[in-house]
Amino acid sequence: RAEDPAGILSLSGRFVPRHRDEIVSLARHLEEQERQEHALNRIMAIHERDGRLEIFTTDIHLPRRIGEALHRAYRGELDYRYEPARYFLRVSWSRDL
């Protein structure tokens, strides 16, 4: 369905609420870069709950790019789970300190 995301980036750990604005700014910046080449690749929604962030995207490449950028900038733990039958990618990033 058109309203279903192709990618979800889940962010957790004590680092996330302390650096929320920086993380969201980084995600939005990468979204703009991606949209210059692929106009339909975008962030659909950002949900925040209990100190966690979830970023829903229209494609599988954007959550991977955001996760890799977070890992380069802040280290932490990064994990990918790709479901080729559904064209779906779940990226998890976490950092406590």
C-alpha atoms as a PDB file:
ATOM      1  CA  ARG A   1       0.000   0.000   0.000  1.00  0.00           C
ATOM      2  CA  ALA A   2       1.145   3.516  -0.746  1.00  0.00           C
ATOM      3  CA  GLU A   3       0.895   4.615   2.887  1.00  0.00           C
ATOM      4  CA  ASP A   4       3.092   1.754   4.170  1.00  0.00           C
ATOM      5  CA  PRO A   5       6.741   2.628   4.736  1.00  0.00           C
ATOM      6  CA  ALA A   6       9.501   0.792   2.868  1.00  0.00           C
ATOM      7  CA  GLY A   7      11.978   1.602   5.626  1.00  0.00           C
ATOM      8  CA  ILE A   8      11.979   2.265   9.333  1.00  0.00           C
ATOM      9  CA  LEU A   9      14.909   3.589  11.322  1.00  0.00           C
ATOM     10  CA  SER A  10      14.553   2.930  15.066  1.00  0.00           C
ATOM     11  CA  LEU A  11      16.766   4.988  17.373  1.00  0.00           C
ATOM     12  CA  SER A  12      17.182   4.141  21.038  1.00  0.00           C
ATOM     13  CA  GLY A  13      19.413   4.676  24.043  1.00  0.00           C
ATOM     14  CA  ARG A  14      20.007   7.518  26.477  1.00  0.00           C
ATOM     15  CA  PHE A  15      21.922   9.433  23.789  1.00  0.00           C
ATOM     16  CA  VAL A  16      18.808   9.864  21.625  1.00  0.00           C
ATOM     17  CA  PRO A  17      16.661  12.227  23.750  1.00  0.00           C
ATOM     18  CA  ARG A  18      19.723  14.290  24.697  1.00  0.00           C
ATOM     19  CA  HIS A  19      20.622  14.835  21.020  1.00  0.00           C
ATOM     20  CA  ARG A  20      17.157  14.655  19.446  1.00  0.00           C
ATOM     21  CA  ASP A  21      17.357  17.961  17.571  1.00  0.00           C
ATOM     22  CA  GLU A  22      20.776  17.141  16.082  1.00  0.00           C
ATOM     23  CA  ILE A  23      19.577  13.694  14.994  1.00  0.00           C
ATOM     24  CA  VAL A  24      16.397  15.032  13.369  1.00  0.00           C
ATOM     25  CA  SER A  25      18.387  17.788  11.648  1.00  0.00           C
ATOM     26  CA  LEU A  26      20.822  15.215  10.252  1.00  0.00           C
ATOM     27  CA  ALA A  27      17.935  13.048   9.027  1.00  0.00           C
ATOM     28  CA  ARG A  28      16.210  15.996   7.317  1.00  0.00           C
ATOM     29  CA  HIS A  29      19.482  17.093   5.688  1.00  0.00           C
ATOM     30  CA  LEU A  30      20.042  13.610   4.248  1.00  0.00           C
ATOM     31  CA  GLU A  31      16.424  13.516   3.096  1.00  0.00           C
ATOM     32  CA  GLU A  32      16.988  16.717   1.100  1.00  0.00           C
ATOM     33  CA  GLN A  33      20.137  15.288  -0.492  1.00  0.00           C
ATOM     34  CA  GLU A  34      18.323  12.075  -1.415  1.00  0.00           C
ATOM     35  CA  ARG A  35      15.343  13.936  -2.882  1.00  0.00           C
ATOM     36  CA  GLN A  36      17.596  15.838  -5.300  1.00  0.00           C
ATOM     37  CA  GLU A  37      18.348  12.561  -7.094  1.00  0.00           C
ATOM     38  CA  HIS A  38      15.222  10.576  -6.197  1.00  0.00           C
ATOM     39  CA  ALA A  39      12.231  12.891  -5.797  1.00  0.00           C
ATOM     40  CA  LEU A  40       9.971  10.271  -4.211  1.00  0.00           C
ATOM     41  CA  ASN A  41      12.430   9.192  -1.506  1.00  0.00           C
ATOM     42  CA  ARG A  42      11.398  11.008   1.639  1.00  0.00           C
ATOM     43  CA  ILE A  43      10.665  10.828   5.331  1.00  0.00           C
ATOM     44  CA  MET A  44       6.986  10.008   5.844  1.00  0.00           C
ATOM     45  CA  ALA A  45       6.883  10.541   9.603  1.00  0.00           C
ATOM     46  CA  ILE A  46       8.979  10.792  12.735  1.00  0.00           C
ATOM     47  CA  HIS A  47       7.428   9.296  15.857  1.00  0.00           C
ATOM     48  CA  GLU A  48       8.781   9.861  19.332  1.00  0.00           C
ATOM     49  CA  ARG A  49       7.902   7.743  22.351  1.00  0.00           C
ATOM     50  CA  ASP A  50       9.610   6.963  25.643  1.00  0.00           C
ATOM     51  CA  GLY A  51      12.917   8.515  24.553  1.00  0.00           C
ATOM     52  CA  ARG A  52      12.962   6.566  21.280  1.00  0.00           C
ATOM     53  CA  LEU A  53      12.628   7.879  17.736  1.00  0.00           C
ATOM     54  CA  GLU A  54      11.257   6.045  14.727  1.00  0.00           C
ATOM     55  CA  ILE A  55      11.740   7.495  11.263  1.00  0.00           C
ATOM     56  CA  PHE A  56       9.455   6.081   8.543  1.00  0.00           C
ATOM     57  CA  THR A  57      10.585   6.426   4.915  1.00  0.00           C
ATOM     58  CA  THR A  58       9.222   5.782   1.440  1.00  0.00           C
ATOM     59  CA  ASP A  59      12.293   3.794   0.376  1.00  0.00           C
ATOM     60  CA  ILE A  60      14.947   1.452   1.772  1.00  0.00           C
ATOM     61  CA  HIS A  61      17.960   3.632   0.995  1.00  0.00           C
ATOM     62  CA  LEU A  62      17.217   6.652   3.162  1.00  0.00           C
ATOM     63  CA  PRO A  63      17.060   4.831   6.542  1.00  0.00           C
ATOM     64  CA  ARG A  64      20.326   3.077   5.671  1.00  0.00           C
ATOM     65  CA  ARG A  65      22.002   6.389   4.812  1.00  0.00           C
ATOM     66  CA  ILE A  66      20.749   8.048   8.007  1.00  0.00           C
ATOM     67  CA  GLY A  67      21.814   5.083  10.141  1.00  0.00           C
ATOM     68  CA  GLU A  68      25.282   5.036   8.580  1.00  0.00           C
ATOM     69  CA  ALA A  69      25.669   8.798   9.079  1.00  0.00           C
ATOM     70  CA  LEU A  70      24.690   8.479  12.744  1.00  0.00           C
ATOM     71  CA  HIS A  71      27.170   5.639  13.176  1.00  0.00           C
ATOM     72  CA  ARG A  72      29.973   7.671  11.556  1.00  0.00           C
ATOM     73  CA  ALA A  73      29.182  10.768  13.623  1.00  0.00           C
ATOM     74  CA  TYR A  74      28.369   9.230  16.999  1.00  0.00           C
ATOM     75  CA  ARG A  75      29.440   5.566  16.832  1.00  0.00           C
ATOM     76  CA  GLY A  76      26.883   3.385  18.653  1.00  0.00           C
ATOM     77  CA  GLU A  77      25.396   0.085  17.506  1.00  0.00           C
ATOM     78  CA  LEU A  78      23.952  -0.260  13.995  1.00  0.00           C
ATOM     79  CA  ASP A  79      21.923  -3.188  12.662  1.00  0.00           C
ATOM     80  CA  TYR A  80      20.035  -3.872   9.406  1.00  0.00           C
ATOM     81  CA  ARG A  81      17.198  -6.302   8.728  1.00  0.00           C
ATOM     82  CA  TYR A  82      16.181  -6.510   5.071  1.00  0.00           C
ATOM     83  CA  GLU A  83      13.046  -8.313   3.891  1.00  0.00           C
ATOM     84  CA  PRO A  84      13.415  -8.617   0.100  1.00  0.00           C
ATOM     85  CA  ALA A  85       9.972 -10.201  -0.392  1.00  0.00           C
ATOM     86  CA  ARG A  86       8.358  -7.045   1.030  1.00  0.00           C
ATOM     87  CA  TYR A  87      10.986  -4.526  -0.199  1.00  0.00           C
ATOM     88  CA  PHE A  88      11.379  -3.461   3.426  1.00  0.00           C
ATOM     89  CA  LEU A  89      14.377  -2.458   5.537  1.00  0.00           C
ATOM     90  CA  ARG A  90      14.446  -1.984   9.298  1.00  0.00           C
ATOM     91  CA  VAL A  91      17.536  -0.190  10.585  1.00  0.00           C
ATOM     92  CA  SER A  92      18.246  -0.010  14.307  1.00  0.00           C
ATOM     93  CA  TRP A  93      20.755   2.366  15.877  1.00  0.00           C
ATOM     94  CA  SER A  94      21.417   2.750  19.576  1.00  0.00           C
ATOM     95  CA  ARG A  95      23.807   4.522  21.890  1.00  0.00           C
ATOM     96  CA  ASP A  96      23.612   4.965  25.621  1.00  0.00           C
ATOM     97  CA  LEU A  97      26.282   7.557  26.456  1.00  0.00           C
END
